[in-house]
Every structure is written in structure tokens, then in C-alpha cells.
């Protein structure tokens, strides 16, 4: 348990994906809602994604974010009419924010 005594939720999605009763889906939805309201995020299990696929995904993220900044900038969301693509740290400054967002992300949609 973290030093602050907070235990972050781990939500089993299998009750939503393969419900055994009508209440199973509602229970998962309620747990997700509660986790979002209380913590803003949560960990999932029971999603059915093979570990090998998860590892390949994480490797691809590492490969992308290890590229030189100039290469990542070629995929900038600022150059895409759908606003999908690479977003460098500092690219986002919302009205009223004192400082730009410090995240670095790759937004995309797959078929």
C-alpha cells in the first residue's frame, strides 16, 4: 500500500465483457464511475488482451517516444485537420491556465 494509505482501484472488466447476470455490467460501470470520481484513474484486469500484445504495445510506445523530436514533430496534431497526431510537451495551453500542459502524447484513431 502507498505511504499515504490510498489504495488505487483495480477493476475486473470480465463482468462487463462476459456478464453472468444482468447486474454484472452495471456493477463494473459503477466501479469505473466511482474510481473516476475518487481518483481520476484506475487499473484494469480481465480485459482479455494477451500479455504478448500488451508487451508489443509498450515496446511500440517506447520506440515512438525514443525518436528524435524532429521526427515526432512531423506527426504533429497541429498539422492534421482531424487534430490527431503527436503532441509535444508545452503544445497545449488552455484558456485560464498559467502554464502549458507538460504531457507528451500520440493521439490516433485506428480502424
PDB file of N, CA and C in Angstrom:
ATOM      1  N   UNK A   1       0.855  -1.179   0.000  1.00  0.00           N
ATOM      2  CA  UNK A   1       0.000   0.000   0.000  1.00  0.00           C
ATOM      3  C   UNK A   1       0.894   1.233   0.000  1.00  0.00           C
ATOM      4  N   UNK A   2       0.531   2.277  -0.777  1.00  0.00           N
ATOM      5  CA  UNK A   2       1.311   3.504  -0.796  1.00  0.00           C
ATOM      6  C   UNK A   2       1.406   4.120   0.595  1.00  0.00           C
ATOM      7  N   UNK A   3       2.438   4.932   0.804  1.00  0.00           N
ATOM      8  CA  UNK A   3       2.690   5.503   2.121  1.00  0.00           C
ATOM      9  C   UNK A   3       1.542   6.377   2.620  1.00  0.00           C
ATOM     10  N   UNK A   4       0.751   6.971   1.720  1.00  0.00           N
ATOM     11  CA  UNK A   4      -0.359   7.827   2.125  1.00  0.00           C
ATOM     12  C   UNK A   4      -1.600   7.052   2.530  1.00  0.00           C
ATOM     13  N   UNK A   5      -1.568   5.723   2.442  1.00  0.00           N
ATOM     14  CA  UNK A   5      -2.708   4.919   2.826  1.00  0.00           C
ATOM     15  C   UNK A   5      -3.794   4.829   1.770  1.00  0.00           C
ATOM     16  N   UNK A   6      -3.513   5.273   0.543  1.00  0.00           N
ATOM     17  CA  UNK A   6      -4.508   5.216  -0.528  1.00  0.00           C
ATOM     18  C   UNK A   6      -4.289   3.934  -1.326  1.00  0.00           C
ATOM     19  N   UNK A   7      -5.363   3.197  -1.515  1.00  0.00           N
ATOM     20  CA  UNK A   7      -5.294   2.001  -2.339  1.00  0.00           C
ATOM     21  C   UNK A   7      -6.066   2.263  -3.624  1.00  0.00           C
ATOM     22  N   UNK A   8      -5.339   2.329  -4.751  1.00  0.00           N
ATOM     23  CA  UNK A   8      -5.983   2.623  -6.027  1.00  0.00           C
ATOM     24  C   UNK A   8      -6.764   1.409  -6.523  1.00  0.00           C
ATOM     25  N   UNK A   9      -7.889   1.640  -7.179  1.00  0.00           N
ATOM     26  CA  UNK A   9      -8.749   0.534  -7.599  1.00  0.00           C
ATOM     27  C   UNK A   9      -8.200  -0.260  -8.784  1.00  0.00           C
ATOM     28  N   UNK A  10      -8.401  -1.555  -8.711  1.00  0.00           N
ATOM     29  CA  UNK A  10      -8.159  -2.468  -9.826  1.00  0.00           C
ATOM     30  C   UNK A  10      -9.521  -3.034 -10.186  1.00  0.00           C
ATOM     31  N   UNK A  11      -9.950  -2.755 -11.399  1.00  0.00           N
ATOM     32  CA  UNK A  11     -11.305  -3.128 -11.819  1.00  0.00           C
ATOM     33  C   UNK A  11     -11.251  -4.292 -12.800  1.00  0.00           C
ATOM     34  N   UNK A  12     -11.989  -5.331 -12.488  1.00  0.00           N
ATOM     35  CA  UNK A  12     -12.078  -6.513 -13.342  1.00  0.00           C
ATOM     36  C   UNK A  12     -13.179  -6.284 -14.376  1.00  0.00           C
ATOM     37  N   UNK A  13     -12.790  -6.191 -15.651  1.00  0.00           N
ATOM     38  CA  UNK A  13     -13.735  -5.917 -16.724  1.00  0.00           C
ATOM     39  C   UNK A  13     -14.481  -7.156 -17.214  1.00  0.00           C
ATOM     40  N   UNK A  14     -14.103  -8.319 -16.732  1.00  0.00           N
ATOM     41  CA  UNK A  14     -14.723  -9.543 -17.245  1.00  0.00           C
ATOM     42  C   UNK A  14     -16.228  -9.575 -16.996  1.00  0.00           C
ATOM     43  N   UNK A  15     -16.705  -8.977 -15.921  1.00  0.00           N
ATOM     44  CA  UNK A  15     -18.134  -8.929 -15.654  1.00  0.00           C
ATOM     45  C   UNK A  15     -18.896  -8.083 -16.655  1.00  0.00           C
ATOM     46  N   UNK A  16     -18.205  -7.147 -17.274  1.00  0.00           N
ATOM     47  CA  UNK A  16     -18.832  -6.328 -18.312  1.00  0.00           C
ATOM     48  C   UNK A  16     -18.744  -7.020 -19.666  1.00  0.00           C
ATOM     49  N   UNK A  17     -17.575  -7.587 -19.953  1.00  0.00           N
ATOM     50  CA  UNK A  17     -17.351  -8.227 -21.259  1.00  0.00           C
ATOM     51  C   UNK A  17     -18.076  -9.560 -21.400  1.00  0.00           C
ATOM     52  N   UNK A  18     -18.167 -10.304 -20.310  1.00  0.00           N
ATOM     53  CA  UNK A  18     -18.832 -11.614 -20.310  1.00  0.00           C
ATOM     54  C   UNK A  18     -19.723 -11.739 -19.078  1.00  0.00           C
ATOM     55  N   UNK A  19     -20.801 -10.973 -19.034  1.00  0.00           N
ATOM     56  CA  UNK A  19     -21.642 -10.970 -17.836  1.00  0.00           C
ATOM     57  C   UNK A  19     -22.328 -12.314 -17.605  1.00  0.00           C
ATOM     58  N   UNK A  20     -22.387 -12.696 -16.343  1.00  0.00           N
ATOM     59  CA  UNK A  20     -23.087 -13.920 -15.960  1.00  0.00           C
ATOM     60  C   UNK A  20     -24.492 -13.615 -15.427  1.00  0.00           C
ATOM     61  N   UNK A  21     -24.741 -12.345 -15.130  1.00  0.00           N
ATOM     62  CA  UNK A  21     -26.066 -11.914 -14.675  1.00  0.00           C
ATOM     63  C   UNK A  21     -26.297 -10.490 -15.192  1.00  0.00           C
ATOM     64  N   UNK A  22     -27.547 -10.053 -15.212  1.00  0.00           N
ATOM     65  CA  UNK A  22     -27.846  -8.684 -15.675  1.00  0.00           C
ATOM     66  C   UNK A  22     -27.171  -7.604 -14.836  1.00  0.00           C
ATOM     67  N   UNK A  23     -26.873  -7.899 -13.607  1.00  0.00           N
ATOM     68  CA  UNK A  23     -26.260  -6.907 -12.717  1.00  0.00           C
ATOM     69  C   UNK A  23     -24.762  -6.755 -12.935  1.00  0.00           C
ATOM     70  N   UNK A  24     -24.110  -7.733 -13.571  1.00  0.00           N
ATOM     71  CA  UNK A  24     -22.655  -7.709 -13.725  1.00  0.00           C
ATOM     72  C   UNK A  24     -22.157  -6.457 -14.447  1.00  0.00           C
ATOM     73  N   UNK A  25     -22.794  -6.108 -15.574  1.00  0.00           N
ATOM     74  CA  UNK A  25     -22.368  -4.924 -16.323  1.00  0.00           C
ATOM     75  C   UNK A  25     -22.542  -3.659 -15.484  1.00  0.00           C
ATOM     76  N   UNK A  26     -23.667  -3.538 -14.840  1.00  0.00           N
ATOM     77  CA  UNK A  26     -23.941  -2.347 -14.027  1.00  0.00           C
ATOM     78  C   UNK A  26     -22.930  -2.209 -12.896  1.00  0.00           C
ATOM     79  N   UNK A  27     -22.519  -3.331 -12.320  1.00  0.00           N
ATOM     80  CA  UNK A  27     -21.536  -3.288 -11.230  1.00  0.00           C
ATOM     81  C   UNK A  27     -20.188  -2.762 -11.728  1.00  0.00           C
ATOM     82  N   UNK A  28     -19.751  -3.226 -12.896  1.00  0.00           N
ATOM     83  CA  UNK A  28     -18.486  -2.739 -13.453  1.00  0.00           C
ATOM     84  C   UNK A  28     -18.584  -1.251 -13.770  1.00  0.00           C
ATOM     85  N   UNK A  29     -19.680  -0.833 -14.374  1.00  0.00           N
ATOM     86  CA  UNK A  29     -19.880   0.581 -14.694  1.00  0.00           C
ATOM     87  C   UNK A  29     -19.837   1.424 -13.416  1.00  0.00           C
ATOM     88  N   UNK A  30     -20.461   0.964 -12.375  1.00  0.00           N
ATOM     89  CA  UNK A  30     -20.463   1.696 -11.100  1.00  0.00           C
ATOM     90  C   UNK A  30     -19.054   1.798 -10.515  1.00  0.00           C
ATOM     91  N   UNK A  31     -18.285   0.724 -10.619  1.00  0.00           N
ATOM     92  CA  UNK A  31     -16.907   0.756 -10.102  1.00  0.00           C
ATOM     93  C   UNK A  31     -16.033   1.723 -10.897  1.00  0.00           C
ATOM     94  N   UNK A  32     -16.219   1.740 -12.224  1.00  0.00           N
ATOM     95  CA  UNK A  32     -15.464   2.681 -13.064  1.00  0.00           C
ATOM     96  C   UNK A  32     -15.856   4.113 -12.714  1.00  0.00           C
ATOM     97  N   UNK A  33     -17.142   4.362 -12.597  1.00  0.00           N
ATOM     98  CA  UNK A  33     -17.627   5.705 -12.243  1.00  0.00           C
ATOM     99  C   UNK A  33     -17.032   6.160 -10.909  1.00  0.00           C
ATOM    100  N   UNK A  34     -17.067   5.280  -9.922  1.00  0.00           N
ATOM    101  CA  UNK A  34     -16.548   5.621  -8.599  1.00  0.00           C
ATOM    102  C   UNK A  34     -15.040   5.891  -8.652  1.00  0.00           C
ATOM    103  N   UNK A  35     -14.313   5.048  -9.373  1.00  0.00           N
ATOM    104  CA  UNK A  35     -12.857   5.229  -9.478  1.00  0.00           C
ATOM    105  C   UNK A  35     -12.517   6.546 -10.163  1.00  0.00           C
ATOM    106  N   UNK A  36     -13.267   6.883 -11.193  1.00  0.00           N
ATOM    107  CA  UNK A  36     -13.025   8.148 -11.895  1.00  0.00           C
ATOM    108  C   UNK A  36     -13.320   9.344 -10.995  1.00  0.00           C
ATOM    109  N   UNK A  37     -14.402   9.254 -10.253  1.00  0.00           N
ATOM    110  CA  UNK A  37     -14.784  10.361  -9.366  1.00  0.00           C
ATOM    111  C   UNK A  37     -13.799  10.523  -8.211  1.00  0.00           C
ATOM    112  N   UNK A  38     -13.334   9.415  -7.655  1.00  0.00           N
ATOM    113  CA  UNK A  38     -12.465   9.479  -6.478  1.00  0.00           C
ATOM    114  C   UNK A  38     -11.001   9.679  -6.809  1.00  0.00           C
ATOM    115  N   UNK A  39     -10.511   9.035  -7.881  1.00  0.00           N
ATOM    116  CA  UNK A  39      -9.073   9.039  -8.160  1.00  0.00           C
ATOM    117  C   UNK A  39      -8.701   9.627  -9.518  1.00  0.00           C
ATOM    118  N   UNK A  40      -9.618   9.578 -10.468  1.00  0.00           N
ATOM    119  CA  UNK A  40      -9.308  10.064 -11.811  1.00  0.00           C
ATOM    120  C   UNK A  40      -8.692   9.003 -12.710  1.00  0.00           C
ATOM    121  N   UNK A  41      -8.395   7.855 -12.174  1.00  0.00           N
ATOM    122  CA  UNK A  41      -7.842   6.759 -12.972  1.00  0.00           C
ATOM    123  C   UNK A  41      -7.958   5.463 -12.194  1.00  0.00           C
ATOM    124  N   UNK A  42      -7.670   4.356 -12.881  1.00  0.00           N
ATOM    125  CA  UNK A  42      -7.756   3.033 -12.258  1.00  0.00           C
ATOM    126  C   UNK A  42      -6.997   2.048 -13.124  1.00  0.00           C
ATOM    127  N   UNK A  43      -6.735   0.889 -12.589  1.00  0.00           N
ATOM    128  CA  UNK A  43      -6.081  -0.188 -13.327  1.00  0.00           C
ATOM    129  C   UNK A  43      -7.142  -1.230 -13.658  1.00  0.00           C
ATOM    130  N   UNK A  44      -6.987  -1.900 -14.807  1.00  0.00           N
ATOM    131  CA  UNK A  44      -7.969  -2.913 -15.188  1.00  0.00           C
ATOM    132  C   UNK A  44      -7.321  -4.280 -15.330  1.00  0.00           C
ATOM    133  N   UNK A  45      -8.158  -5.288 -15.133  1.00  0.00           N
ATOM    134  CA  UNK A  45      -7.790  -6.671 -15.403  1.00  0.00           C
ATOM    135  C   UNK A  45      -9.020  -7.338 -16.003  1.00  0.00           C
ATOM    136  N   UNK A  46      -8.867  -8.543 -16.472  1.00  0.00           N
ATOM    137  CA  UNK A  46      -9.996  -9.255 -17.040  1.00  0.00           C
ATOM    138  C   UNK A  46     -10.440  -8.725 -18.391  1.00  0.00           C
ATOM    139  N   UNK A  47      -9.519  -8.040 -19.097  1.00  0.00           N
ATOM    140  CA  UNK A  47      -9.840  -7.445 -20.400  1.00  0.00           C
ATOM    141  C   UNK A  47      -9.622  -8.411 -21.551  1.00  0.00           C
ATOM    142  N   UNK A  48      -8.893  -9.484 -21.325  1.00  0.00           N
ATOM    143  CA  UNK A  48      -8.680 -10.486 -22.356  1.00  0.00           C
ATOM    144  C   UNK A  48      -7.572 -10.176 -23.347  1.00  0.00           C
ATOM    145  N   UNK A  49      -6.824  -9.106 -23.151  1.00  0.00           N
ATOM    146  CA  UNK A  49      -5.729  -8.772 -24.061  1.00  0.00           C
ATOM    147  C   UNK A  49      -4.502  -9.577 -23.642  1.00  0.00           C
ATOM    148  N   UNK A  50      -3.972 -10.404 -24.549  1.00  0.00           N
ATOM    149  CA  UNK A  50      -2.825 -11.245 -24.182  1.00  0.00           C
ATOM    150  C   UNK A  50      -1.622 -10.413 -23.730  1.00  0.00           C
ATOM    151  N   UNK A  51      -0.861 -10.965 -22.806  1.00  0.00           N
ATOM    152  CA  UNK A  51       0.328 -10.275 -22.289  1.00  0.00           C
ATOM    153  C   UNK A  51       1.298  -9.964 -23.426  1.00  0.00           C
ATOM    154  N   UNK A  52       1.413 -10.850 -24.395  1.00  0.00           N
ATOM    155  CA  UNK A  52       2.331 -10.603 -25.521  1.00  0.00           C
ATOM    156  C   UNK A  52       1.909  -9.352 -26.306  1.00  0.00           C
ATOM    157  N   UNK A  53       0.618  -9.148 -26.481  1.00  0.00           N
ATOM    158  CA  UNK A  53       0.117  -7.950 -27.164  1.00  0.00           C
ATOM    159  C   UNK A  53       0.389  -6.708 -26.324  1.00  0.00           C
ATOM    160  N   UNK A  54       0.206  -6.812 -25.018  1.00  0.00           N
ATOM    161  CA  UNK A  54       0.487  -5.683 -24.130  1.00  0.00           C
ATOM    162  C   UNK A  54       1.967  -5.296 -24.206  1.00  0.00           C
ATOM    163  N   UNK A  55       2.839  -6.287 -24.199  1.00  0.00           N
ATOM    164  CA  UNK A  55       4.284  -6.008 -24.272  1.00  0.00           C
ATOM    165  C   UNK A  55       4.655  -5.365 -25.605  1.00  0.00           C
ATOM    166  N   UNK A  56       4.074  -5.876 -26.697  1.00  0.00           N
ATOM    167  CA  UNK A  56       4.352  -5.304 -28.014  1.00  0.00           C
ATOM    168  C   UNK A  56       3.896  -3.849 -28.057  1.00  0.00           C
ATOM    169  N   UNK A  57       2.732  -3.568 -27.487  1.00  0.00           N
ATOM    170  CA  UNK A  57       2.219  -2.203 -27.436  1.00  0.00           C
ATOM    171  C   UNK A  57       3.181  -1.290 -26.662  1.00  0.00           C
ATOM    172  N   UNK A  58       3.623  -1.734 -25.489  1.00  0.00           N
ATOM    173  CA  UNK A  58       4.538  -0.919 -24.688  1.00  0.00           C
ATOM    174  C   UNK A  58       5.868  -0.699 -25.404  1.00  0.00           C
ATOM    175  N   UNK A  59       6.346  -1.713 -26.108  1.00  0.00           N
ATOM    176  CA  UNK A  59       7.577  -1.559 -26.888  1.00  0.00           C
ATOM    177  C   UNK A  59       7.395  -0.529 -27.995  1.00  0.00           C
ATOM    178  N   UNK A  60       6.226  -0.552 -28.652  1.00  0.00           N
ATOM    179  CA  UNK A  60       5.983   0.418 -29.725  1.00  0.00           C
ATOM    180  C   UNK A  60       5.923   1.841 -29.172  1.00  0.00           C
ATOM    181  N   UNK A  61       5.347   2.004 -27.979  1.00  0.00           N
ATOM    182  CA  UNK A  61       5.344   3.329 -27.346  1.00  0.00           C
ATOM    183  C   UNK A  61       6.771   3.793 -27.074  1.00  0.00           C
ATOM    184  N   UNK A  62       7.572   2.904 -26.539  1.00  0.00           N
ATOM    185  CA  UNK A  62       8.962   3.246 -26.257  1.00  0.00           C
ATOM    186  C   UNK A  62       9.702   3.610 -27.547  1.00  0.00           C
ATOM    187  N   UNK A  63       9.455   2.834 -28.613  1.00  0.00           N
ATOM    188  CA  UNK A  63      10.106   3.123 -29.899  1.00  0.00           C
ATOM    189  C   UNK A  63       9.706   4.502 -30.410  1.00  0.00           C
ATOM    190  N   UNK A  64       8.417   4.809 -30.340  1.00  0.00           N
ATOM    191  CA  UNK A  64       7.953   6.111 -30.826  1.00  0.00           C
ATOM    192  C   UNK A  64       8.531   7.255 -30.001  1.00  0.00           C
ATOM    193  N   UNK A  65       8.395   7.190 -28.682  1.00  0.00           N
ATOM    194  CA  UNK A  65       8.830   8.307 -27.844  1.00  0.00           C
ATOM    195  C   UNK A  65      10.354   8.425 -27.759  1.00  0.00           C
ATOM    196  N   UNK A  66      11.077   7.402 -28.242  1.00  0.00           N
ATOM    197  CA  UNK A  66      12.536   7.480 -28.300  1.00  0.00           C
ATOM    198  C   UNK A  66      13.031   8.150 -29.577  1.00  0.00           C
ATOM    199  N   UNK A  67      12.139   8.392 -30.520  1.00  0.00           N
ATOM    200  CA  UNK A  67      12.529   9.063 -31.766  1.00  0.00           C
ATOM    201  C   UNK A  67      13.022  10.474 -31.461  1.00  0.00           C
ATOM    202  N   UNK A  68      13.866  11.012 -32.336  1.00  0.00           N
ATOM    203  CA  UNK A  68      14.265  12.416 -32.166  1.00  0.00           C
ATOM    204  C   UNK A  68      13.046  13.328 -32.268  1.00  0.00           C
ATOM    205  N   UNK A  69      13.093  14.431 -31.561  1.00  0.00           N
ATOM    206  CA  UNK A  69      11.965  15.363 -31.520  1.00  0.00           C
ATOM    207  C   UNK A  69      11.544  15.805 -32.926  1.00  0.00           C
ATOM    208  N   UNK A  70      12.507  15.994 -33.822  1.00  0.00           N
ATOM    209  CA  UNK A  70      12.200  16.435 -35.184  1.00  0.00           C
ATOM    210  C   UNK A  70      11.331  15.410 -35.913  1.00  0.00           C
ATOM    211  N   UNK A  71      11.586  14.123 -35.676  1.00  0.00           N
ATOM    212  CA  UNK A  71      10.792  13.061 -36.310  1.00  0.00           C
ATOM    213  C   UNK A  71       9.376  13.027 -35.745  1.00  0.00           C
ATOM    214  N   UNK A  72       9.253  13.169 -34.435  1.00  0.00           N
ATOM    215  CA  UNK A  72       7.927  13.168 -33.815  1.00  0.00           C
ATOM    216  C   UNK A  72       7.122  14.385 -34.265  1.00  0.00           C
ATOM    217  N   UNK A  73       7.768  15.528 -34.405  1.00  0.00           N
ATOM    218  CA  UNK A  73       7.078  16.757 -34.804  1.00  0.00           C
ATOM    219  C   UNK A  73       6.473  16.649 -36.205  1.00  0.00           C
ATOM    220  N   UNK A  74       7.038  15.781 -37.058  1.00  0.00           N
ATOM    221  CA  UNK A  74       6.485  15.565 -38.398  1.00  0.00           C
ATOM    222  C   UNK A  74       5.072  14.977 -38.318  1.00  0.00           C
ATOM    223  N   UNK A  75       4.736  14.371 -37.194  1.00  0.00           N
ATOM    224  CA  UNK A  75       3.421  13.770 -36.990  1.00  0.00           C
ATOM    225  C   UNK A  75       2.536  14.627 -36.085  1.00  0.00           C
ATOM    226  N   UNK A  76       2.838  15.921 -36.002  1.00  0.00           N
ATOM    227  CA  UNK A  76       2.138  16.820 -35.082  1.00  0.00           C
ATOM    228  C   UNK A  76       0.641  16.896 -35.341  1.00  0.00           C
ATOM    229  N   UNK A  77      -0.132  16.898 -34.277  1.00  0.00           N
ATOM    230  CA  UNK A  77      -1.583  17.077 -34.370  1.00  0.00           C
ATOM    231  C   UNK A  77      -1.924  18.462 -34.908  1.00  0.00           C
ATOM    232  N   UNK A  78      -1.011  19.413 -34.797  1.00  0.00           N
ATOM    233  CA  UNK A  78      -1.242  20.765 -35.290  1.00  0.00           C
ATOM    234  C   UNK A  78      -1.275  20.816 -36.816  1.00  0.00           C
ATOM    235  N   UNK A  79      -0.705  19.791 -37.454  1.00  0.00           N
ATOM    236  CA  UNK A  79      -0.667  19.714 -38.916  1.00  0.00           C
ATOM    237  C   UNK A  79      -1.771  18.829 -39.473  1.00  0.00           C
ATOM    238  N   UNK A  80      -2.615  18.270 -38.620  1.00  0.00           N
ATOM    239  CA  UNK A  80      -3.627  17.313 -39.038  1.00  0.00           C
ATOM    240  C   UNK A  80      -5.010  17.937 -38.862  1.00  0.00           C
ATOM    241  N   UNK A  81      -5.830  17.974 -39.921  1.00  0.00           N
ATOM    242  CA  UNK A  81      -7.158  18.582 -39.793  1.00  0.00           C
ATOM    243  C   UNK A  81      -8.070  17.857 -38.795  1.00  0.00           C
ATOM    244  N   UNK A  82      -7.783  16.598 -38.515  1.00  0.00           N
ATOM    245  CA  UNK A  82      -8.575  15.838 -37.534  1.00  0.00           C
ATOM    246  C   UNK A  82      -8.047  16.023 -36.117  1.00  0.00           C
ATOM    247  N   UNK A  83      -6.993  16.797 -35.957  1.00  0.00           N
ATOM    248  CA  UNK A  83      -6.364  17.052 -34.654  1.00  0.00           C
ATOM    249  C   UNK A  83      -5.887  15.767 -33.998  1.00  0.00           C
ATOM    250  N   UNK A  84      -5.371  14.849 -34.802  1.00  0.00           N
ATOM    251  CA  UNK A  84      -4.785  13.616 -34.302  1.00  0.00           C
ATOM    252  C   UNK A  84      -3.308  13.624 -34.638  1.00  0.00           C
ATOM    253  N   UNK A  85      -2.495  13.096 -33.760  1.00  0.00           N
ATOM    254  CA  UNK A  85      -1.066  13.016 -34.006  1.00  0.00           C
ATOM    255  C   UNK A  85      -0.275  13.298 -32.752  1.00  0.00           C
ATOM    256  N   UNK A  86       0.978  13.611 -32.938  1.00  0.00           N
ATOM    257  CA  UNK A  86       1.899  13.834 -31.835  1.00  0.00           C
ATOM    258  C   UNK A  86       1.638  15.194 -31.187  1.00  0.00           C
ATOM    259  N   UNK A  87       1.673  15.217 -29.872  1.00  0.00           N
ATOM    260  CA  UNK A  87       1.533  16.460 -29.110  1.00  0.00           C
ATOM    261  C   UNK A  87       2.712  16.565 -28.156  1.00  0.00           C
ATOM    262  N   UNK A  88       3.574  17.530 -28.413  1.00  0.00           N
ATOM    263  CA  UNK A  88       4.772  17.707 -27.588  1.00  0.00           C
ATOM    264  C   UNK A  88       4.423  18.407 -26.278  1.00  0.00           C
ATOM    265  N   UNK A  89       5.279  18.219 -25.313  1.00  0.00           N
ATOM    266  CA  UNK A  89       5.138  18.917 -24.049  1.00  0.00           C
ATOM    267  C   UNK A  89       5.134  20.416 -24.318  1.00  0.00           C
ATOM    268  N   UNK A  90       4.129  21.102 -23.786  1.00  0.00           N
ATOM    269  CA  UNK A  90       4.028  22.542 -23.959  1.00  0.00           C
ATOM    270  C   UNK A  90       3.166  22.981 -25.125  1.00  0.00           C
ATOM    271  N   UNK A  91       2.677  22.037 -25.949  1.00  0.00           N
ATOM    272  CA  UNK A  91       1.847  22.397 -27.101  1.00  0.00           C
ATOM    273  C   UNK A  91       0.442  22.849 -26.703  1.00  0.00           C
ATOM    274  N   UNK A  92      -0.016  22.467 -25.538  1.00  0.00           N
ATOM    275  CA  UNK A  92      -1.380  22.770 -25.140  1.00  0.00           C
ATOM    276  C   UNK A  92      -1.399  23.782 -23.996  1.00  0.00           C
ATOM    277  N   UNK A  93      -2.078  24.874 -24.243  1.00  0.00           N
ATOM    278  CA  UNK A  93      -2.292  25.887 -23.211  1.00  0.00           C
ATOM    279  C   UNK A  93      -3.761  26.280 -23.272  1.00  0.00           C
ATOM    280  N   UNK A  94      -4.506  25.823 -22.275  1.00  0.00           N
ATOM    281  CA  UNK A  94      -5.930  26.143 -22.225  1.00  0.00           C
ATOM    282  C   UNK A  94      -6.137  27.530 -21.645  1.00  0.00           C
ATOM    283  N   UNK A  95      -7.229  28.158 -22.059  1.00  0.00           N
ATOM    284  CA  UNK A  95      -7.559  29.473 -21.550  1.00  0.00           C
ATOM    285  C   UNK A  95      -7.678  29.413 -20.026  1.00  0.00           C
ATOM    286  N   UNK A  96      -6.994  30.299 -19.357  1.00  0.00           N
ATOM    287  CA  UNK A  96      -7.032  30.353 -17.908  1.00  0.00           C
ATOM    288  C   UNK A  96      -5.897  29.605 -17.227  1.00  0.00           C
ATOM    289  N   UNK A  97      -5.187  28.745 -17.977  1.00  0.00           N
ATOM    290  CA  UNK A  97      -4.057  28.021 -17.387  1.00  0.00           C
ATOM    291  C   UNK A  97      -2.844  28.943 -17.286  1.00  0.00           C
ATOM    292  N   UNK A  98      -2.129  28.849 -16.191  1.00  0.00           N
ATOM    293  CA  UNK A  98      -0.932  29.668 -16.007  1.00  0.00           C
ATOM    294  C   UNK A  98       0.227  29.160 -16.856  1.00  0.00           C
ATOM    295  N   UNK A  99       0.296  27.842 -17.036  1.00  0.00           N
ATOM    296  CA  UNK A  99       1.398  27.230 -17.776  1.00  0.00           C
ATOM    297  C   UNK A  99       0.854  26.226 -18.782  1.00  0.00           C
ATOM    298  N   UNK A 100       1.610  25.957 -19.858  1.00  0.00           N
ATOM    299  CA  UNK A 100       1.183  24.928 -20.808  1.00  0.00           C
ATOM    300  C   UNK A 100       1.208  23.541 -20.171  1.00  0.00           C
ATOM    301  N   UNK A 101       0.449  22.639 -20.751  1.00  0.00           N
ATOM    302  CA  UNK A 101       0.426  21.253 -20.295  1.00  0.00           C
ATOM    303  C   UNK A 101       1.789  20.627 -20.548  1.00  0.00           C
ATOM    304  N   UNK A 102       2.261  19.784 -19.635  1.00  0.00           N
ATOM    305  CA  UNK A 102       3.585  19.190 -19.775  1.00  0.00           C
ATOM    306  C   UNK A 102       3.558  17.771 -20.330  1.00  0.00           C
ATOM    307  N   UNK A 103       2.398  17.303 -20.774  1.00  0.00           N
ATOM    308  CA  UNK A 103       2.311  15.939 -21.289  1.00  0.00           C
ATOM    309  C   UNK A 103       2.922  15.835 -22.687  1.00  0.00           C
ATOM    310  N   UNK A 104       3.325  14.626 -23.034  1.00  0.00           N
ATOM    311  CA  UNK A 104       3.777  14.292 -24.376  1.00  0.00           C
ATOM    312  C   UNK A 104       2.953  13.091 -24.805  1.00  0.00           C
ATOM    313  N   UNK A 105       2.174  13.230 -25.892  1.00  0.00           N
ATOM    314  CA  UNK A 105       1.247  12.166 -26.284  1.00  0.00           C
ATOM    315  C   UNK A 105       1.242  11.954 -27.793  1.00  0.00           C
ATOM    316  N   UNK A 106       0.714  10.799 -28.162  1.00  0.00           N
ATOM    317  CA  UNK A 106       0.464  10.461 -29.580  1.00  0.00           C
ATOM    318  C   UNK A 106      -1.000  10.080 -29.655  1.00  0.00           C
ATOM    319  N   UNK A 107      -1.828  10.950 -30.254  1.00  0.00           N
ATOM    320  CA  UNK A 107      -3.255  10.687 -30.413  1.00  0.00           C
ATOM    321  C   UNK A 107      -3.504  10.119 -31.792  1.00  0.00           C
ATOM    322  N   UNK A 108      -4.238   9.049 -31.865  1.00  0.00           N
ATOM    323  CA  UNK A 108      -4.593   8.496 -33.163  1.00  0.00           C
ATOM    324  C   UNK A 108      -5.837   7.635 -33.023  1.00  0.00           C
ATOM    325  N   UNK A 109      -6.457   7.384 -34.144  1.00  0.00           N
ATOM    326  CA  UNK A 109      -7.630   6.523 -34.188  1.00  0.00           C
ATOM    327  C   UNK A 109      -7.301   5.369 -35.120  1.00  0.00           C
ATOM    328  N   UNK A 110      -7.647   4.168 -34.700  1.00  0.00           N
ATOM    329  CA  UNK A 110      -7.435   3.007 -35.549  1.00  0.00           C
ATOM    330  C   UNK A 110      -8.768   2.537 -36.101  1.00  0.00           C
ATOM    331  N   UNK A 111      -8.721   1.816 -37.174  1.00  0.00           N
ATOM    332  CA  UNK A 111      -9.961   1.263 -37.769  1.00  0.00           C
ATOM    333  C   UNK A 111     -10.519   0.159 -36.934  1.00  0.00           C
TER     334      UNK A 111
END
